[in-house]
Amino acid sequence: MPELPEVETTRRRLLPLLEGKRLLEVRHQDPLRYRHTERARERAVEGVGRRGKFLLLALSGGLEMVVHLGMTGGFRLEKTPHTRAEFLLEDGVLHFHDPRRFGRIWVVERGAYGEIPLLARLGPEPLSPEFRPEAFLLGLQKSRKPLKALLLDQTLAAGVGNIYADEALFRAGLSPFRLGREVSEEEALRLFQALREVLAEAVALGGSTLSDRTYQQPDGLPGGFQKRHAVYGRTGLPCPRCGAPIAKGVVAGRGTHHCPRCQR
């Protein structure tokens, strides 16, 4: 699933294509997944934002289009065999590509997220000033959940998913199986800093494009951060720090990659 770096990269690429343009229509044949899109007809796109893994398009008249890319969704400049919706603009067409059909689009009153409860409960953006080490430490230490599960929860830090949770825990030298309440202040600060570093690097490199190539930027280019993965997707390969084989376990139902020697 596209995570913060992939969604932020998409936002940055869409900004010059959408901001200030008139959206003539959103064409699709799936009103259950793409809800109330008729309200976007003939609206100007006033801004392109992001919250966690959601894209937020501010529309004229106080409306907002919320886009969740799901597992395989993304925007393309060219039509694909898996185009599920078309954004007709005054100067062209933008295609919503989604092979597995998990993407969702809503048009709502701006900030009214009653239909999207996950968006309403997101924690702070981890690359923003609102992401504070004191609150992060408190959130860890009052929980009995494993660290990996806490990072995936979205309430401590919005937008973190499987890839970047694994990579941040490796950089911090912390086991994904450790309970939050067991973490010291120094360890929590290491994780806080590692999370910010990993996400900032991934955004700068355009996110991670894995072997299935489901995530691509709108112009079809891949991301570059996958070349820096230390543990994610590297089961059995040597740890770049100590040489021990990377192991894979399960936390919160998600495949979890770690070095059993560096992350005791």
Protein backbone atom coordinates (compact mmCIF):
# COMPACT_ATOMS: atom_id res chain seq x y z
CA MET A 1 0.00 0.00 0.00
CA PRO A 2 1.34 3.47 -0.80
CA GLU A 3 2.56 5.10 2.42
CA LEU A 4 3.36 8.69 3.33
CA PRO A 5 6.36 9.06 0.97
CA GLU A 6 4.51 7.64 -2.03
CA VAL A 7 1.37 9.72 -1.39
CA GLU A 8 3.43 12.87 -0.77
CA THR A 9 5.36 12.27 -4.00
CA THR A 10 2.05 11.87 -5.83
CA ARG A 11 0.77 15.09 -4.26
CA ARG A 12 3.82 17.03 -5.42
CA ARG A 13 3.51 15.69 -8.96
CA LEU A 14 -0.22 16.45 -9.11
CA LEU A 15 0.07 19.98 -7.76
CA PRO A 16 1.06 21.71 -11.05
CA LEU A 17 -1.40 19.54 -12.98
CA LEU A 18 -4.43 20.33 -10.82
CA GLU A 19 -4.05 23.50 -8.79
CA GLY A 20 -5.98 26.39 -10.30
CA LYS A 21 -7.57 24.15 -12.95
CA ARG A 22 -11.28 23.57 -13.49
CA LEU A 23 -12.43 19.98 -12.98
CA LEU A 24 -15.10 19.40 -15.59
CA GLU A 25 -16.12 15.92 -14.49
CA VAL A 26 -14.97 12.68 -12.85
CA ARG A 27 -16.03 9.74 -15.00
CA HIS A 28 -16.31 6.23 -13.57
CA GLN A 29 -18.72 3.30 -13.25
CA ASP A 30 -18.36 2.51 -9.55
CA PRO A 31 -20.47 4.81 -7.34
CA LEU A 32 -19.82 2.63 -4.27
CA ARG A 33 -16.05 3.23 -4.35
CA TYR A 34 -16.16 6.74 -5.83
CA ARG A 35 -18.81 8.53 -3.80
CA HIS A 36 -20.59 11.79 -4.60
CA THR A 37 -18.11 12.66 -7.36
CA GLU A 38 -20.90 14.41 -9.26
CA ARG A 39 -20.53 17.22 -6.71
CA ALA A 40 -17.06 17.96 -8.12
CA ARG A 41 -18.41 18.80 -11.58
CA GLU A 42 -17.28 22.25 -12.80
CA ARG A 43 -15.37 22.99 -9.59
CA ALA A 44 -11.98 24.69 -9.46
CA VAL A 45 -9.17 22.84 -7.71
CA GLU A 46 -7.93 25.33 -5.14
CA GLY A 47 -5.22 23.19 -3.55
CA VAL A 48 -3.70 19.71 -3.37
CA GLY A 49 -2.89 18.54 0.16
CA ARG A 50 -2.18 15.34 2.04
CA ARG A 51 -3.08 13.91 5.44
CA GLY A 52 -1.43 10.59 6.29
CA LYS A 53 -2.06 8.32 3.30
CA PHE A 54 -4.96 10.45 1.98
CA LEU A 55 -4.81 13.05 -0.79
CA LEU A 56 -7.00 16.10 -0.16
CA LEU A 57 -8.12 18.22 -3.11
CA ALA A 58 -9.68 21.51 -2.02
CA LEU A 59 -12.51 22.36 -4.42
CA SER A 60 -14.33 25.63 -4.91
CA GLY A 61 -17.59 26.09 -3.06
CA GLY A 62 -16.26 24.65 0.20
CA LEU A 63 -15.98 21.07 -1.03
CA GLU A 64 -13.12 18.62 -0.71
CA MET A 65 -12.18 15.54 -2.67
CA VAL A 66 -10.54 12.85 -0.53
CA VAL A 67 -8.57 10.17 -2.37
CA HIS A 68 -7.20 6.99 -0.80
CA LEU A 69 -4.94 5.03 -3.14
CA GLY A 70 -5.70 1.69 -1.49
CA MET A 71 -3.17 -1.05 -2.21
CA THR A 72 -2.41 -0.41 -5.88
CA GLY A 73 -4.00 2.92 -6.77
CA GLY A 74 -2.25 5.87 -8.36
CA PHE A 75 -2.60 8.60 -10.95
CA ARG A 76 -1.29 8.32 -14.51
CA LEU A 77 -0.93 10.80 -17.32
CA GLU A 78 -1.84 8.11 -19.84
CA LYS A 79 -4.79 5.72 -19.85
CA THR A 80 -3.97 2.18 -18.70
CA PRO A 81 -5.83 -1.16 -18.82
CA HIS A 82 -6.59 -0.58 -15.14
CA THR A 83 -7.92 2.97 -15.39
CA ARG A 84 -10.94 3.07 -13.05
CA ALA A 85 -11.78 6.80 -13.15
CA GLU A 86 -10.96 9.73 -15.41
CA PHE A 87 -10.53 13.31 -14.22
CA LEU A 88 -11.56 15.55 -17.10
CA LEU A 89 -9.82 18.91 -16.75
CA GLU A 90 -10.06 22.01 -18.87
CA ASP A 91 -6.67 21.19 -20.41
CA GLY A 92 -6.50 17.39 -20.41
CA VAL A 93 -7.34 14.12 -18.67
CA LEU A 94 -5.83 12.55 -15.55
CA HIS A 95 -6.35 8.81 -15.05
CA PHE A 96 -6.89 6.98 -11.74
CA HIS A 97 -5.17 3.61 -12.16
CA ASP A 98 -6.05 0.84 -9.68
CA PRO A 99 -5.47 -2.82 -10.66
CA ARG A 100 -6.90 -4.33 -7.46
CA ARG A 101 -9.75 -1.84 -7.02
CA PHE A 102 -9.10 -0.94 -3.38
CA GLY A 103 -8.80 2.79 -4.02
CA ARG A 104 -11.55 5.10 -2.82
CA ILE A 105 -12.69 8.65 -3.63
CA TRP A 106 -15.14 10.79 -1.65
CA VAL A 107 -16.41 14.32 -2.26
CA VAL A 108 -17.45 15.91 1.03
CA GLU A 109 -17.93 19.26 2.65
CA ARG A 110 -14.44 20.47 3.46
CA GLY A 111 -13.25 18.82 6.68
CA ALA A 112 -16.44 16.74 7.12
CA TYR A 113 -15.00 13.23 7.40
CA GLY A 114 -17.94 11.34 8.87
CA GLU A 115 -17.76 8.78 6.06
CA ILE A 116 -13.99 8.42 6.54
CA PRO A 117 -13.41 7.65 10.25
CA LEU A 118 -9.74 6.73 9.81
CA LEU A 119 -8.98 10.18 8.43
CA ALA A 120 -10.69 11.83 11.38
CA ARG A 121 -8.53 10.02 13.98
CA LEU A 122 -5.08 10.39 12.42
CA GLY A 123 -2.20 11.42 14.67
CA PRO A 124 0.37 14.12 13.87
CA GLU A 125 2.27 14.28 10.60
CA PRO A 126 5.73 12.87 11.39
CA LEU A 127 7.54 15.45 9.22
CA SER A 128 5.69 18.40 10.75
CA PRO A 129 6.44 20.54 13.83
CA GLU A 130 3.35 19.00 15.49
CA PHE A 131 5.21 15.69 15.77
CA ARG A 132 6.74 16.05 19.24
CA PRO A 133 9.10 13.60 20.98
CA GLU A 134 7.37 14.05 24.35
CA ALA A 135 3.98 12.98 23.00
CA PHE A 136 5.58 10.16 21.02
CA LEU A 137 7.30 8.82 24.16
CA LEU A 138 4.07 9.02 26.16
CA GLY A 139 2.15 7.17 23.45
CA LEU A 140 4.71 4.38 23.41
CA GLN A 141 5.06 3.97 27.14
CA LYS A 142 1.36 3.74 27.92
CA SER A 143 0.80 0.90 25.43
CA ARG A 144 1.16 -2.88 25.72
CA LYS A 145 1.29 -3.25 21.94
CA PRO A 146 4.49 -4.18 20.06
CA LEU A 147 6.40 -1.27 18.55
CA LYS A 148 5.61 -2.32 14.98
CA ALA A 149 1.88 -2.40 15.75
CA LEU A 150 2.08 1.04 17.35
CA LEU A 151 3.75 2.54 14.29
CA LEU A 152 1.07 1.06 12.03
CA ASP A 153 -1.77 2.32 14.23
CA GLN A 154 -1.76 5.85 12.67
CA THR A 155 -2.49 7.60 15.97
CA LEU A 156 1.15 8.14 17.03
CA ALA A 157 2.27 9.17 13.54
CA ALA A 158 0.10 9.48 10.44
CA GLY A 159 1.03 7.80 7.17
CA VAL A 160 3.49 5.15 8.39
CA GLY A 161 3.04 1.68 6.93
CA ASN A 162 4.84 -1.60 6.68
CA ILE A 163 7.92 -0.52 4.74
CA TYR A 164 8.86 2.53 6.77
CA ALA A 165 7.99 1.01 10.14
CA ASP A 166 10.46 -1.81 9.46
CA GLU A 167 13.15 0.55 8.19
CA ALA A 168 12.77 3.01 11.09
CA LEU A 169 12.92 0.25 13.71
CA PHE A 170 16.09 -1.11 12.11
CA ARG A 171 17.76 2.30 12.14
CA ALA A 172 16.78 2.76 15.77
CA GLY A 173 18.12 -0.70 16.66
CA LEU A 174 14.82 -1.75 18.24
CA SER A 175 13.00 -5.04 17.88
CA PRO A 176 9.55 -4.76 16.26
CA PHE A 177 8.34 -7.24 18.92
CA ARG A 178 9.28 -5.03 21.89
CA LEU A 179 6.30 -3.65 23.78
CA GLY A 180 5.87 0.10 23.82
CA ARG A 181 5.79 0.21 27.62
CA GLU A 182 9.27 -1.39 27.74
CA VAL A 183 10.98 1.36 25.75
CA SER A 184 13.24 3.83 27.55
CA GLU A 185 13.22 7.55 26.89
CA GLU A 186 16.53 7.28 25.01
CA GLU A 187 15.20 4.44 22.84
CA ALA A 188 11.99 6.32 22.08
CA LEU A 189 14.01 9.34 20.98
CA ARG A 190 16.11 7.12 18.69
CA LEU A 191 12.94 5.77 17.08
CA PHE A 192 11.43 9.25 16.79
CA GLN A 193 14.51 10.51 14.96
CA ALA A 194 14.87 7.39 12.80
CA LEU A 195 11.25 7.65 11.67
CA ARG A 196 11.69 11.26 10.59
CA GLU A 197 14.96 10.49 8.80
CA VAL A 198 13.62 7.48 6.91
CA LEU A 199 10.46 9.27 5.79
CA ALA A 200 12.32 12.42 4.71
CA GLU A 201 14.82 10.39 2.67
CA ALA A 202 12.04 8.37 1.05
CA VAL A 203 10.11 11.51 0.08
CA ALA A 204 13.27 13.01 -1.42
CA LEU A 205 13.75 9.85 -3.52
CA GLY A 206 10.14 9.60 -4.69
CA GLY A 207 9.06 6.71 -2.43
CA SER A 208 9.62 2.98 -2.90
CA THR A 209 8.73 1.01 -6.03
CA LEU A 210 8.76 -2.70 -5.24
CA SER A 211 9.23 -5.63 -7.63
CA ASP A 212 5.52 -5.68 -8.58
CA ARG A 213 5.84 -2.03 -9.72
CA THR A 214 2.31 -1.25 -8.53
CA TYR A 215 3.49 2.14 -7.25
CA GLN A 216 4.76 4.56 -9.86
CA GLN A 217 4.75 8.31 -10.06
CA PRO A 218 2.08 9.87 -12.34
CA ASP A 219 4.59 10.14 -15.20
CA GLY A 220 5.38 6.42 -14.87
CA LEU A 221 8.76 6.85 -13.21
CA PRO A 222 9.59 4.58 -10.24
CA GLY A 223 10.61 5.75 -6.81
CA GLY A 224 14.19 5.31 -5.65
CA PHE A 225 14.12 4.55 -1.93
CA GLN A 226 13.84 0.79 -2.46
CA LYS A 227 17.57 0.85 -3.21
CA ARG A 228 18.15 1.91 0.41
CA HIS A 229 15.97 -0.72 2.09
CA ALA A 230 18.05 -2.29 4.84
CA VAL A 231 15.55 -4.95 5.98
CA TYR A 232 12.20 -4.66 4.19
CA GLY A 233 11.80 -7.40 1.58
CA ARG A 234 15.31 -8.75 2.26
CA THR A 235 14.48 -12.00 4.07
CA GLY A 236 17.57 -14.24 4.27
CA LEU A 237 19.92 -11.61 2.88
CA PRO A 238 22.78 -10.29 5.04
CA CYS A 239 22.11 -7.38 7.39
CA PRO A 240 23.98 -4.34 6.04
CA ARG A 241 25.17 -3.58 9.57
CA CYS A 242 26.27 -6.95 11.01
CA GLY A 243 25.91 -9.53 8.23
CA ALA A 244 23.36 -11.75 10.01
CA PRO A 245 20.47 -13.02 7.82
CA ILE A 246 17.41 -10.79 7.82
CA ALA A 247 14.46 -12.55 9.43
CA LYS A 248 10.75 -12.22 8.74
CA GLY A 249 8.02 -12.57 11.36
CA VAL A 250 4.48 -11.31 11.81
CA VAL A 251 3.27 -8.38 13.93
CA ALA A 252 -0.33 -7.15 13.84
CA GLY A 253 -0.95 -9.47 10.90
CA ARG A 254 1.78 -7.86 8.80
CA GLY A 255 5.00 -9.37 7.51
CA THR A 256 7.79 -7.83 9.58
CA HIS A 257 11.45 -7.75 8.54
CA HIS A 258 14.23 -7.26 11.06
CA CYS A 259 17.78 -8.21 11.98
CA PRO A 260 17.62 -10.59 14.98
CA ARG A 261 21.14 -9.59 16.00
CA CYS A 262 20.94 -5.77 15.68
CA GLN A 263 17.35 -5.53 16.91
CA ARG A 264 17.31 -7.72 20.00
